[in-house]
PDB file of N, CA and C in Angstrom:
ATOM      1  N   UNK A   1    -111.046  11.517  61.017  1.00  0.00           N
ATOM      2  CA  UNK A   1    -110.492  12.820  60.958  1.00  0.00           C
ATOM      3  C   UNK A   1    -111.002  13.756  59.938  1.00  0.00           C
ATOM      4  N   UNK A   2    -111.635  14.774  60.563  1.00  0.00           N
ATOM      5  CA  UNK A   2    -112.218  15.531  59.725  1.00  0.00           C
ATOM      6  C   UNK A   2    -110.848  16.865  58.945  1.00  0.00           C
ATOM      7  N   UNK A   3    -111.678  17.776  58.443  1.00  0.00           N
ATOM      8  CA  UNK A   3    -110.857  18.554  57.425  1.00  0.00           C
ATOM      9  C   UNK A   3    -109.750  19.048  57.525  1.00  0.00           C
ATOM     10  N   UNK A   4    -110.301  20.050  59.048  1.00  0.00           N
ATOM     11  CA  UNK A   4    -109.143  20.446  60.331  1.00  0.00           C
ATOM     12  C   UNK A   4    -108.181  19.694  60.595  1.00  0.00           C
ATOM     13  N   UNK A   5    -108.072  18.933  61.403  1.00  0.00           N
ATOM     14  CA  UNK A   5    -107.674  18.034  61.836  1.00  0.00           C
ATOM     15  C   UNK A   5    -106.443  17.178  60.957  1.00  0.00           C
ATOM     16  N   UNK A   6    -106.867  17.160  59.906  1.00  0.00           N
ATOM     17  CA  UNK A   6    -106.783  15.939  58.692  1.00  0.00           C
ATOM     18  C   UNK A   6    -104.723  17.413  58.251  1.00  0.00           C
ATOM     19  N   UNK A   7    -105.518  18.928  58.024  1.00  0.00           N
ATOM     20  CA  UNK A   7    -104.516  19.914  57.482  1.00  0.00           C
ATOM     21  C   UNK A   7    -103.607  20.178  58.682  1.00  0.00           C
ATOM     22  N   UNK A   8    -104.168  19.999  59.779  1.00  0.00           N
ATOM     23  CA  UNK A   8    -103.415  20.954  60.746  1.00  0.00           C
ATOM     24  C   UNK A   8    -101.826  19.344  60.852  1.00  0.00           C
ATOM     25  N   UNK A   9    -102.401  18.029  60.854  1.00  0.00           N
ATOM     26  CA  UNK A   9    -101.856  17.021  60.657  1.00  0.00           C
ATOM     27  C   UNK A   9    -100.615  16.716  59.606  1.00  0.00           C
ATOM     28  N   UNK A  10    -101.374  17.253  58.295  1.00  0.00           N
ATOM     29  CA  UNK A  10    -100.422  17.201  57.576  1.00  0.00           C
ATOM     30  C   UNK A  10     -99.780  18.371  57.325  1.00  0.00           C
ATOM     31  N   UNK A  11    -100.097  19.458  57.395  1.00  0.00           N
ATOM     32  CA  UNK A  11     -98.965  20.864  58.012  1.00  0.00           C
ATOM     33  C   UNK A  11     -97.939  20.614  58.622  1.00  0.00           C
ATOM     34  N   UNK A  12     -98.222  19.425  59.571  1.00  0.00           N
ATOM     35  CA  UNK A  12     -97.096  19.838  60.330  1.00  0.00           C
ATOM     36  C   UNK A  12     -95.780  18.628  60.227  1.00  0.00           C
ATOM     37  N   UNK A  13     -96.324  17.676  59.278  1.00  0.00           N
ATOM     38  CA  UNK A  13     -95.420  16.138  58.792  1.00  0.00           C
ATOM     39  C   UNK A  13     -94.771  17.497  57.587  1.00  0.00           C
ATOM     40  N   UNK A  14     -95.347  18.317  57.041  1.00  0.00           N
ATOM     41  CA  UNK A  14     -94.553  18.953  55.718  1.00  0.00           C
ATOM     42  C   UNK A  14     -93.574  20.163  56.560  1.00  0.00           C
ATOM     43  N   UNK A  15     -94.154  20.815  57.549  1.00  0.00           N
ATOM     44  CA  UNK A  15     -92.755  21.368  57.816  1.00  0.00           C
ATOM     45  C   UNK A  15     -92.018  20.171  58.721  1.00  0.00           C
ATOM     46  N   UNK A  16     -92.051  19.355  59.334  1.00  0.00           N
ATOM     47  CA  UNK A  16     -91.127  18.254  59.883  1.00  0.00           C
ATOM     48  C   UNK A  16     -90.348  18.174  58.644  1.00  0.00           C
ATOM     49  N   UNK A  17     -90.727  17.722  57.448  1.00  0.00           N
ATOM     50  CA  UNK A  17     -90.042  16.773  56.391  1.00  0.00           C
ATOM     51  C   UNK A  17     -89.130  18.447  55.909  1.00  0.00           C
ATOM     52  N   UNK A  18     -89.342  19.589  56.386  1.00  0.00           N
ATOM     53  CA  UNK A  18     -88.855  20.458  55.243  1.00  0.00           C
ATOM     54  C   UNK A  18     -87.457  20.616  56.316  1.00  0.00           C
ATOM     55  N   UNK A  19     -87.836  20.318  57.556  1.00  0.00           N
ATOM     56  CA  UNK A  19     -86.699  20.961  58.824  1.00  0.00           C
ATOM     57  C   UNK A  19     -85.766  19.761  58.340  1.00  0.00           C
ATOM     58  N   UNK A  20     -86.148  18.781  58.096  1.00  0.00           N
ATOM     59  CA  UNK A  20     -85.727  17.389  58.339  1.00  0.00           C
ATOM     60  C   UNK A  20     -84.683  17.397  56.798  1.00  0.00           C
ATOM     61  N   UNK A  21     -85.076  18.245  55.847  1.00  0.00           N
ATOM     62  CA  UNK A  21     -84.467  18.156  54.594  1.00  0.00           C
ATOM     63  C   UNK A  21     -82.902  19.351  54.651  1.00  0.00           C
ATOM     64  N   UNK A  22     -83.451  20.234  54.975  1.00  0.00           N
ATOM     65  CA  UNK A  22     -82.600  21.458  55.448  1.00  0.00           C
ATOM     66  C   UNK A  22     -81.346  20.784  56.319  1.00  0.00           C
ATOM     67  N   UNK A  23     -81.932  20.313  57.167  1.00  0.00           N
ATOM     68  CA  UNK A  23     -80.387  19.516  58.219  1.00  0.00           C
ATOM     69  C   UNK A  23     -79.380  18.890  57.229  1.00  0.00           C
ATOM     70  N   UNK A  24     -80.233  17.899  56.027  1.00  0.00           N
ATOM     71  CA  UNK A  24     -79.724  17.058  55.395  1.00  0.00           C
ATOM     72  C   UNK A  24     -78.964  17.315  54.417  1.00  0.00           C
ATOM     73  N   UNK A  25     -79.245  18.499  54.068  1.00  0.00           N
ATOM     74  CA  UNK A  25     -78.631  19.582  52.753  1.00  0.00           C
ATOM     75  C   UNK A  25     -77.506  20.290  53.781  1.00  0.00           C
ATOM     76  N   UNK A  26     -77.523  19.968  55.155  1.00  0.00           N
ATOM     77  CA  UNK A  26     -76.705  20.993  55.837  1.00  0.00           C
ATOM     78  C   UNK A  26     -75.414  19.945  56.310  1.00  0.00           C
ATOM     79  N   UNK A  27     -75.959  18.700  55.996  1.00  0.00           N
ATOM     80  CA  UNK A  27     -75.032  18.174  55.984  1.00  0.00           C
ATOM     81  C   UNK A  27     -74.377  17.219  54.791  1.00  0.00           C
ATOM     82  N   UNK A  28     -74.316  17.872  53.674  1.00  0.00           N
ATOM     83  CA  UNK A  28     -73.937  17.365  52.881  1.00  0.00           C
ATOM     84  C   UNK A  28     -74.605  16.723  51.668  1.00  0.00           C
ATOM     85  N   UNK A  29     -76.451  16.426  52.377  1.00  0.00           N
ATOM     86  CA  UNK A  29     -76.461  15.851  50.921  1.00  0.00           C
ATOM     87  C   UNK A  29     -77.060  16.765  49.695  1.00  0.00           C
ATOM     88  N   UNK A  30     -77.585  16.682  48.690  1.00  0.00           N
ATOM     89  CA  UNK A  30     -76.992  17.140  46.967  1.00  0.00           C
ATOM     90  C   UNK A  30     -78.045  16.655  46.715  1.00  0.00           C
ATOM     91  N   UNK A  31     -78.839  18.300  47.434  1.00  0.00           N
ATOM     92  CA  UNK A  31     -80.392  18.416  46.979  1.00  0.00           C
ATOM     93  C   UNK A  31     -81.097  19.873  47.297  1.00  0.00           C
ATOM     94  N   UNK A  32     -82.147  20.002  46.498  1.00  0.00           N
ATOM     95  CA  UNK A  32     -82.706  21.481  46.893  1.00  0.00           C
ATOM     96  C   UNK A  32     -84.124  21.208  46.976  1.00  0.00           C
ATOM     97  N   UNK A  33     -85.031  22.217  47.634  1.00  0.00           N
ATOM     98  CA  UNK A  33     -86.358  22.043  47.889  1.00  0.00           C
ATOM     99  C   UNK A  33     -87.071  22.735  48.121  1.00  0.00           C
ATOM    100  N   UNK A  34     -88.403  22.998  47.874  1.00  0.00           N
ATOM    101  CA  UNK A  34     -89.208  24.216  48.173  1.00  0.00           C
ATOM    102  C   UNK A  34     -90.753  23.427  48.525  1.00  0.00           C
ATOM    103  N   UNK A  35     -90.952  24.120  49.357  1.00  0.00           N
ATOM    104  CA  UNK A  35     -92.297  23.863  49.959  1.00  0.00           C
ATOM    105  C   UNK A  35     -93.213  25.019  49.567  1.00  0.00           C
ATOM    106  N   UNK A  36     -94.355  24.925  48.561  1.00  0.00           N
ATOM    107  CA  UNK A  36     -94.864  26.069  47.886  1.00  0.00           C
ATOM    108  C   UNK A  36     -96.330  25.600  48.564  1.00  0.00           C
ATOM    109  N   UNK A  37     -97.039  27.301  48.835  1.00  0.00           N
ATOM    110  CA  UNK A  37     -98.548  27.207  49.382  1.00  0.00           C
ATOM    111  C   UNK A  37     -99.065  25.926  48.953  1.00  0.00           C
ATOM    112  N   UNK A  38    -100.101  25.234  49.661  1.00  0.00           N
ATOM    113  CA  UNK A  38    -101.172  24.265  49.515  1.00  0.00           C
ATOM    114  C   UNK A  38    -100.390  23.136  49.812  1.00  0.00           C
ATOM    115  N   UNK A  39     -99.431  23.045  50.247  1.00  0.00           N
ATOM    116  CA  UNK A  39     -98.660  21.606  50.670  1.00  0.00           C
ATOM    117  C   UNK A  39     -98.457  20.960  49.455  1.00  0.00           C
ATOM    118  N   UNK A  40     -97.154  21.373  48.909  1.00  0.00           N
ATOM    119  CA  UNK A  40     -96.993  20.920  47.784  1.00  0.00           C
ATOM    120  C   UNK A  40     -95.045  20.435  47.908  1.00  0.00           C
ATOM    121  N   UNK A  41     -94.123  19.481  48.586  1.00  0.00           N
ATOM    122  CA  UNK A  41     -92.594  20.292  48.642  1.00  0.00           C
ATOM    123  C   UNK A  41     -92.478  19.688  47.341  1.00  0.00           C
ATOM    124  N   UNK A  42     -91.310  20.070  46.838  1.00  0.00           N
ATOM    125  CA  UNK A  42     -90.130  19.835  45.882  1.00  0.00           C
ATOM    126  C   UNK A  42     -89.322  19.303  45.865  1.00  0.00           C
ATOM    127  N   UNK A  43     -88.813  18.478  45.556  1.00  0.00           N
ATOM    128  CA  UNK A  43     -86.976  18.170  46.293  1.00  0.00           C
ATOM    129  C   UNK A  43     -86.611  17.720  44.112  1.00  0.00           C
ATOM    130  N   UNK A  44     -85.752  18.725  44.458  1.00  0.00           N
ATOM    131  CA  UNK A  44     -84.585  18.076  43.352  1.00  0.00           C
ATOM    132  C   UNK A  44     -83.473  17.568  43.779  1.00  0.00           C
ATOM    133  N   UNK A  45     -82.448  16.831  42.879  1.00  0.00           N
ATOM    134  CA  UNK A  45     -81.534  15.718  43.149  1.00  0.00           C
ATOM    135  C   UNK A  45     -80.369  16.534  42.553  1.00  0.00           C
ATOM    136  N   UNK A  46     -79.315  16.366  42.421  1.00  0.00           N
ATOM    137  CA  UNK A  46     -78.232  16.859  42.257  1.00  0.00           C
ATOM    138  C   UNK A  46     -77.973  16.706  40.072  1.00  0.00           C
ATOM    139  N   UNK A  47     -78.799  15.260  40.304  1.00  0.00           N
ATOM    140  CA  UNK A  47     -78.838  14.794  38.495  1.00  0.00           C
ATOM    141  C   UNK A  47     -79.700  15.308  37.739  1.00  0.00           C
ATOM    142  N   UNK A  48     -80.586  15.800  38.275  1.00  0.00           N
ATOM    143  CA  UNK A  48     -81.660  17.198  37.549  1.00  0.00           C
ATOM    144  C   UNK A  48     -83.255  16.544  38.413  1.00  0.00           C
ATOM    145  N   UNK A  49     -83.517  14.830  39.017  1.00  0.00           N
ATOM    146  CA  UNK A  49     -84.644  14.639  39.357  1.00  0.00           C
ATOM    147  C   UNK A  49     -85.289  14.867  39.871  1.00  0.00           C
ATOM    148  N   UNK A  50     -86.473  14.573  40.781  1.00  0.00           N
ATOM    149  CA  UNK A  50     -87.499  15.068  41.263  1.00  0.00           C
ATOM    150  C   UNK A  50     -88.429  14.602  42.170  1.00  0.00           C
ATOM    151  N   UNK A  51     -88.585  14.581  43.089  1.00  0.00           N
ATOM    152  CA  UNK A  51     -89.267  14.093  43.907  1.00  0.00           C
ATOM    153  C   UNK A  51     -90.860  15.083  44.340  1.00  0.00           C
ATOM    154  N   UNK A  52     -91.893  15.009  44.342  1.00  0.00           N
ATOM    155  CA  UNK A  52     -92.745  15.820  44.770  1.00  0.00           C
ATOM    156  C   UNK A  52     -93.713  14.997  46.337  1.00  0.00           C
ATOM    157  N   UNK A  53     -93.862  15.749  47.208  1.00  0.00           N
ATOM    158  CA  UNK A  53     -94.729  15.078  48.732  1.00  0.00           C
ATOM    159  C   UNK A  53     -96.290  15.831  49.079  1.00  0.00           C
ATOM    160  N   UNK A  54     -97.007  15.707  48.275  1.00  0.00           N
ATOM    161  CA  UNK A  54     -98.104  16.669  48.447  1.00  0.00           C
ATOM    162  C   UNK A  54     -99.335  16.493  49.393  1.00  0.00           C
ATOM    163  N   UNK A  55     -99.755  17.196  49.692  1.00  0.00           N
ATOM    164  CA  UNK A  55    -101.124  16.274  50.542  1.00  0.00           C
ATOM    165  C   UNK A  55    -101.964  16.049  49.485  1.00  0.00           C
ATOM    166  N   UNK A  56    -102.858  15.199  49.758  1.00  0.00           N
ATOM    167  CA  UNK A  56    -104.013  15.094  48.786  1.00  0.00           C
ATOM    168  C   UNK A  56    -105.500  15.152  49.715  1.00  0.00           C
ATOM    169  N   UNK A  57    -106.530  16.296  50.292  1.00  0.00           N
ATOM    170  CA  UNK A  57    -106.982  16.761  50.923  1.00  0.00           C
ATOM    171  C   UNK A  57    -108.059  15.261  50.456  1.00  0.00           C
ATOM    172  N   UNK A  58    -108.481  15.665  49.553  1.00  0.00           N
ATOM    173  CA  UNK A  58    -109.880  14.348  49.030  1.00  0.00           C
ATOM    174  C   UNK A  58    -109.492  13.694  49.680  1.00  0.00           C
ATOM    175  N   UNK A  59    -108.424  12.563  49.771  1.00  0.00           N
ATOM    176  CA  UNK A  59    -108.415  11.348  50.322  1.00  0.00           C
ATOM    177  C   UNK A  59    -108.055  11.365  51.320  1.00  0.00           C
ATOM    178  N   UNK A  60    -107.574  12.380  52.240  1.00  0.00           N
ATOM    179  CA  UNK A  60    -107.106  12.606  53.485  1.00  0.00           C
ATOM    180  C   UNK A  60    -105.869  11.592  53.789  1.00  0.00           C
ATOM    181  N   UNK A  61    -104.800  12.164  52.566  1.00  0.00           N
ATOM    182  CA  UNK A  61    -103.321  11.608  52.282  1.00  0.00           C
ATOM    183  C   UNK A  61    -102.663  11.949  52.108  1.00  0.00           C
ATOM    184  N   UNK A  62    -100.925  11.594  52.152  1.00  0.00           N
ATOM    185  CA  UNK A  62    -100.053  12.311  51.874  1.00  0.00           C
ATOM    186  C   UNK A  62     -99.414  11.344  50.448  1.00  0.00           C
ATOM    187  N   UNK A  63     -99.252  12.082  49.254  1.00  0.00           N
ATOM    188  CA  UNK A  63     -98.903  11.188  48.076  1.00  0.00           C
ATOM    189  C   UNK A  63     -97.394  11.810  47.953  1.00  0.00           C
ATOM    190  N   UNK A  64     -96.732  10.885  47.516  1.00  0.00           N
ATOM    191  CA  UNK A  64     -95.667  10.811  47.521  1.00  0.00           C
ATOM    192  C   UNK A  64     -95.066  10.500  45.700  1.00  0.00           C
ATOM    193  N   UNK A  65     -94.612  11.130  45.011  1.00  0.00           N
ATOM    194  CA  UNK A  65     -94.146  11.237  43.130  1.00  0.00           C
ATOM    195  C   UNK A  65     -92.544  10.975  43.217  1.00  0.00           C
ATOM    196  N   UNK A  66     -91.940  10.252  43.045  1.00  0.00           N
ATOM    197  CA  UNK A  66     -91.192   9.495  43.157  1.00  0.00           C
ATOM    198  C   UNK A  66     -90.261   8.423  41.661  1.00  0.00           C
ATOM    199  N   UNK A  67     -89.295   8.984  41.369  1.00  0.00           N
ATOM    200  CA  UNK A  67     -88.926   8.117  39.997  1.00  0.00           C
ATOM    201  C   UNK A  67     -89.046   6.427  40.484  1.00  0.00           C
ATOM    202  N   UNK A  68     -89.186   5.852  41.755  1.00  0.00           N
ATOM    203  CA  UNK A  68     -89.971   4.725  41.488  1.00  0.00           C
ATOM    204  C   UNK A  68     -90.721   4.253  41.787  1.00  0.00           C
ATOM    205  N   UNK A  69     -92.268   5.751  41.418  1.00  0.00           N
ATOM    206  CA  UNK A  69     -92.989   5.274  41.501  1.00  0.00           C
ATOM    207  C   UNK A  69     -93.618   6.336  42.183  1.00  0.00           C
ATOM    208  N   UNK A  70     -95.179   6.198  42.856  1.00  0.00           N
ATOM    209  CA  UNK A  70     -96.394   6.682  43.165  1.00  0.00           C
ATOM    210  C   UNK A  70     -96.708   6.141  44.706  1.00  0.00           C
ATOM    211  N   UNK A  71     -96.296   6.979  45.738  1.00  0.00           N
ATOM    212  CA  UNK A  71     -97.007   5.979  47.207  1.00  0.00           C
ATOM    213  C   UNK A  71     -97.989   7.043  47.879  1.00  0.00           C
ATOM    214  N   UNK A  72     -98.606   6.417  48.242  1.00  0.00           N
ATOM    215  CA  UNK A  72    -100.067   7.120  49.607  1.00  0.00           C
ATOM    216  C   UNK A  72     -99.333   7.059  50.371  1.00  0.00           C
ATOM    217  N   UNK A  73    -100.298   7.636  51.522  1.00  0.00           N
ATOM    218  CA  UNK A  73     -99.538   7.191  52.435  1.00  0.00           C
ATOM    219  C   UNK A  73    -101.013   8.202  53.979  1.00  0.00           C
ATOM    220  N   UNK A  74    -101.437   7.307  54.738  1.00  0.00           N
ATOM    221  CA  UNK A  74    -102.762   7.331  55.047  1.00  0.00           C
ATOM    222  C   UNK A  74    -102.315   7.278  57.114  1.00  0.00           C
ATOM    223  N   UNK A  75    -102.705   8.217  57.294  1.00  0.00           N
ATOM    224  CA  UNK A  75    -102.409   8.631  59.109  1.00  0.00           C
ATOM    225  C   UNK A  75    -103.358   7.883  59.881  1.00  0.00           C
ATOM    226  N   UNK A  76    -102.617   6.778  60.715  1.00  0.00           N
ATOM    227  CA  UNK A  76    -102.911   5.760  61.910  1.00  0.00           C
ATOM    228  C   UNK A  76    -102.282   6.376  62.913  1.00  0.00           C
ATOM    229  N   UNK A  77    -103.286   6.461  63.663  1.00  0.00           N
ATOM    230  CA  UNK A  77    -102.854   7.028  65.135  1.00  0.00           C
ATOM    231  C   UNK A  77    -101.783   7.588  65.346  1.00  0.00           C
ATOM    232  N   UNK A  78    -101.552   8.808  63.756  1.00  0.00           N
ATOM    233  CA  UNK A  78    -100.619  10.340  64.647  1.00  0.00           C
ATOM    234  C   UNK A  78     -99.372   9.474  63.535  1.00  0.00           C
ATOM    235  N   UNK A  79     -99.548   8.163  63.016  1.00  0.00           N
ATOM    236  CA  UNK A  79     -98.198   8.120  61.926  1.00  0.00           C
ATOM    237  C   UNK A  79     -98.680   7.777  60.244  1.00  0.00           C
ATOM    238  N   UNK A  80     -97.926   8.532  59.562  1.00  0.00           N
ATOM    239  CA  UNK A  80     -98.255   8.327  58.385  1.00  0.00           C
ATOM    240  C   UNK A  80     -97.480   6.843  57.714  1.00  0.00           C
ATOM    241  N   UNK A  81     -98.791   5.899  57.259  1.00  0.00           N
ATOM    242  CA  UNK A  81     -98.578   4.762  56.945  1.00  0.00           C
ATOM    243  C   UNK A  81     -98.744   4.551  55.388  1.00  0.00           C
ATOM    244  N   UNK A  82     -98.125   3.690  54.389  1.00  0.00           N
ATOM    245  CA  UNK A  82     -97.969   3.491  53.020  1.00  0.00           C
ATOM    246  C   UNK A  82     -99.306   3.121  53.031  1.00  0.00           C
ATOM    247  N   UNK A  83    -100.019   2.941  51.948  1.00  0.00           N
ATOM    248  CA  UNK A  83    -101.214   2.266  52.201  1.00  0.00           C
ATOM    249  C   UNK A  83    -101.369   0.879  51.728  1.00  0.00           C
ATOM    250  N   UNK A  84    -100.335   0.613  51.310  1.00  0.00           N
ATOM    251  CA  UNK A  84     -99.921  -0.837  50.552  1.00  0.00           C
ATOM    252  C   UNK A  84     -99.458  -1.882  51.018  1.00  0.00           C
ATOM    253  N   UNK A  85     -97.892  -1.040  52.431  1.00  0.00           N
ATOM    254  CA  UNK A  85     -97.056  -2.173  53.240  1.00  0.00           C
ATOM    255  C   UNK A  85     -96.866  -1.453  54.530  1.00  0.00           C
ATOM    256  N   UNK A  86     -97.475  -0.552  54.833  1.00  0.00           N
ATOM    257  CA  UNK A  86     -97.434  -0.105  56.517  1.00  0.00           C
ATOM    258  C   UNK A  86     -96.380   0.370  56.419  1.00  0.00           C
ATOM    259  N   UNK A  87     -95.658   0.677  55.546  1.00  0.00           N
ATOM    260  CA  UNK A  87     -94.355   1.442  55.780  1.00  0.00           C
ATOM    261  C   UNK A  87     -94.436   2.900  56.543  1.00  0.00           C
ATOM    262  N   UNK A  88     -93.645   3.358  57.453  1.00  0.00           N
ATOM    263  CA  UNK A  88     -93.715   5.029  57.866  1.00  0.00           C
ATOM    264  C   UNK A  88     -93.318   5.581  56.731  1.00  0.00           C
ATOM    265  N   UNK A  89     -93.815   6.891  56.456  1.00  0.00           N
ATOM    266  CA  UNK A  89     -93.460   7.880  55.496  1.00  0.00           C
ATOM    267  C   UNK A  89     -92.394   8.139  55.395  1.00  0.00           C
ATOM    268  N   UNK A  90     -91.666   8.527  56.763  1.00  0.00           N
ATOM    269  CA  UNK A  90     -90.179   8.964  56.438  1.00  0.00           C
ATOM    270  C   UNK A  90     -89.290   7.537  56.653  1.00  0.00           C
ATOM    271  N   UNK A  91     -89.832   6.553  56.914  1.00  0.00           N
ATOM    272  CA  UNK A  91     -88.806   5.614  56.453  1.00  0.00           C
ATOM    273  C   UNK A  91     -88.647   4.950  55.636  1.00  0.00           C
ATOM    274  N   UNK A  92     -89.792   5.559  54.443  1.00  0.00           N
ATOM    275  CA  UNK A  92     -90.092   4.987  52.772  1.00  0.00           C
ATOM    276  C   UNK A  92     -88.714   6.515  52.081  1.00  0.00           C
ATOM    277  N   UNK A  93     -89.785   7.533  53.107  1.00  0.00           N
ATOM    278  CA  UNK A  93     -88.742   8.856  52.111  1.00  0.00           C
ATOM    279  C   UNK A  93     -87.769   8.525  52.257  1.00  0.00           C
ATOM    280  N   UNK A  94     -86.817   8.174  53.545  1.00  0.00           N
ATOM    281  CA  UNK A  94     -85.127   7.881  53.265  1.00  0.00           C
ATOM    282  C   UNK A  94     -84.700   7.254  52.404  1.00  0.00           C
ATOM    283  N   UNK A  95     -85.479   5.737  52.239  1.00  0.00           N
ATOM    284  CA  UNK A  95     -85.075   4.604  51.166  1.00  0.00           C
ATOM    285  C   UNK A  95     -85.537   5.362  49.562  1.00  0.00           C
ATOM    286  N   UNK A  96     -86.363   5.555  49.096  1.00  0.00           N
ATOM    287  CA  UNK A  96     -86.911   6.647  48.154  1.00  0.00           C
ATOM    288  C   UNK A  96     -85.143   7.475  47.686  1.00  0.00           C
ATOM    289  N   UNK A  97     -85.632   8.320  48.745  1.00  0.00           N
ATOM    290  CA  UNK A  97     -84.240   9.597  48.180  1.00  0.00           C
ATOM    291  C   UNK A  97     -82.844   8.922  48.099  1.00  0.00           C
ATOM    292  N   UNK A  98     -82.761   8.151  49.215  1.00  0.00           N
ATOM    293  CA  UNK A  98     -81.142   7.702  49.288  1.00  0.00           C
ATOM    294  C   UNK A  98     -80.682   7.394  47.650  1.00  0.00           C
ATOM    295  N   UNK A  99     -81.698   6.010  47.071  1.00  0.00           N
ATOM    296  CA  UNK A  99     -81.642   5.304  45.995  1.00  0.00           C
ATOM    297  C   UNK A  99     -82.213   6.481  45.071  1.00  0.00           C
ATOM    298  N   UNK A 100     -82.757   7.500  44.997  1.00  0.00           N
ATOM    299  CA  UNK A 100     -82.825   8.219  43.881  1.00  0.00           C
ATOM    300  C   UNK A 100     -81.572   9.391  43.822  1.00  0.00           C
ATOM    301  N   UNK A 101     -80.460   9.289  44.975  1.00  0.00           N
ATOM    302  CA  UNK A 101     -80.094  10.648  45.655  1.00  0.00           C
ATOM    303  C   UNK A 101     -78.720  10.055  44.882  1.00  0.00           C
ATOM    304  N   UNK A 102     -78.469   8.654  45.320  1.00  0.00           N
ATOM    305  CA  UNK A 102     -76.842   7.909  45.280  1.00  0.00           C
ATOM    306  C   UNK A 102     -76.747   8.215  46.257  1.00  0.00           C
ATOM    307  N   UNK A 103     -76.990   8.346  47.318  1.00  0.00           N
ATOM    308  CA  UNK A 103     -75.877   8.627  48.571  1.00  0.00           C
ATOM    309  C   UNK A 103     -77.382   8.322  49.834  1.00  0.00           C
ATOM    310  N   UNK A 104     -76.633   8.304  50.893  1.00  0.00           N
ATOM    311  CA  UNK A 104     -76.869   7.909  52.089  1.00  0.00           C
ATOM    312  C   UNK A 104     -77.764   9.538  52.101  1.00  0.00           C
ATOM    313  N   UNK A 105     -79.671   9.395  52.708  1.00  0.00           N
ATOM    314  CA  UNK A 105     -79.794  10.939  53.163  1.00  0.00           C
ATOM    315  C   UNK A 105     -80.826  10.405  54.110  1.00  0.00           C
ATOM    316  N   UNK A 106     -80.638  10.896  55.666  1.00  0.00           N
ATOM    317  CA  UNK A 106     -80.875  10.621  56.660  1.00  0.00           C
ATOM    318  C   UNK A 106     -82.002  12.018  57.077  1.00  0.00           C
ATOM    319  N   UNK A 107     -83.172  11.561  57.338  1.00  0.00           N
ATOM    320  CA  UNK A 107     -84.155  12.534  58.044  1.00  0.00           C
ATOM    321  C   UNK A 107     -84.653  12.972  59.447  1.00  0.00           C
ATOM    322  N   UNK A 108     -83.831  11.677  59.915  1.00  0.00           N
ATOM    323  CA  UNK A 108     -83.833  11.977  61.580  1.00  0.00           C
ATOM    324  C   UNK A 108     -83.268  12.616  61.971  1.00  0.00           C
TER     325      UNK A 108
END
């Protein structure tokens, strides 16, 4: 994957995540979020804790910083998978966000 392909896939993924967060908030999830220029998505929960999802262009990965730790995701066949255990990005985010928010959060 070249830089342009990585950036296009990362942009599409972050836009999809932003739309999923909007739908989750509309459904009652207690969170706030902002997608900043450069591909940094900051999510703040009702208790003041934060999660950051961003692209890391050099490694061609999406990185997640959460209360539970740091996670790296690499694209494989158009799907972002955790570099440690292969869990898909949105599956991991749902689990991390639900735990951090103290309520079930669906991103689907």
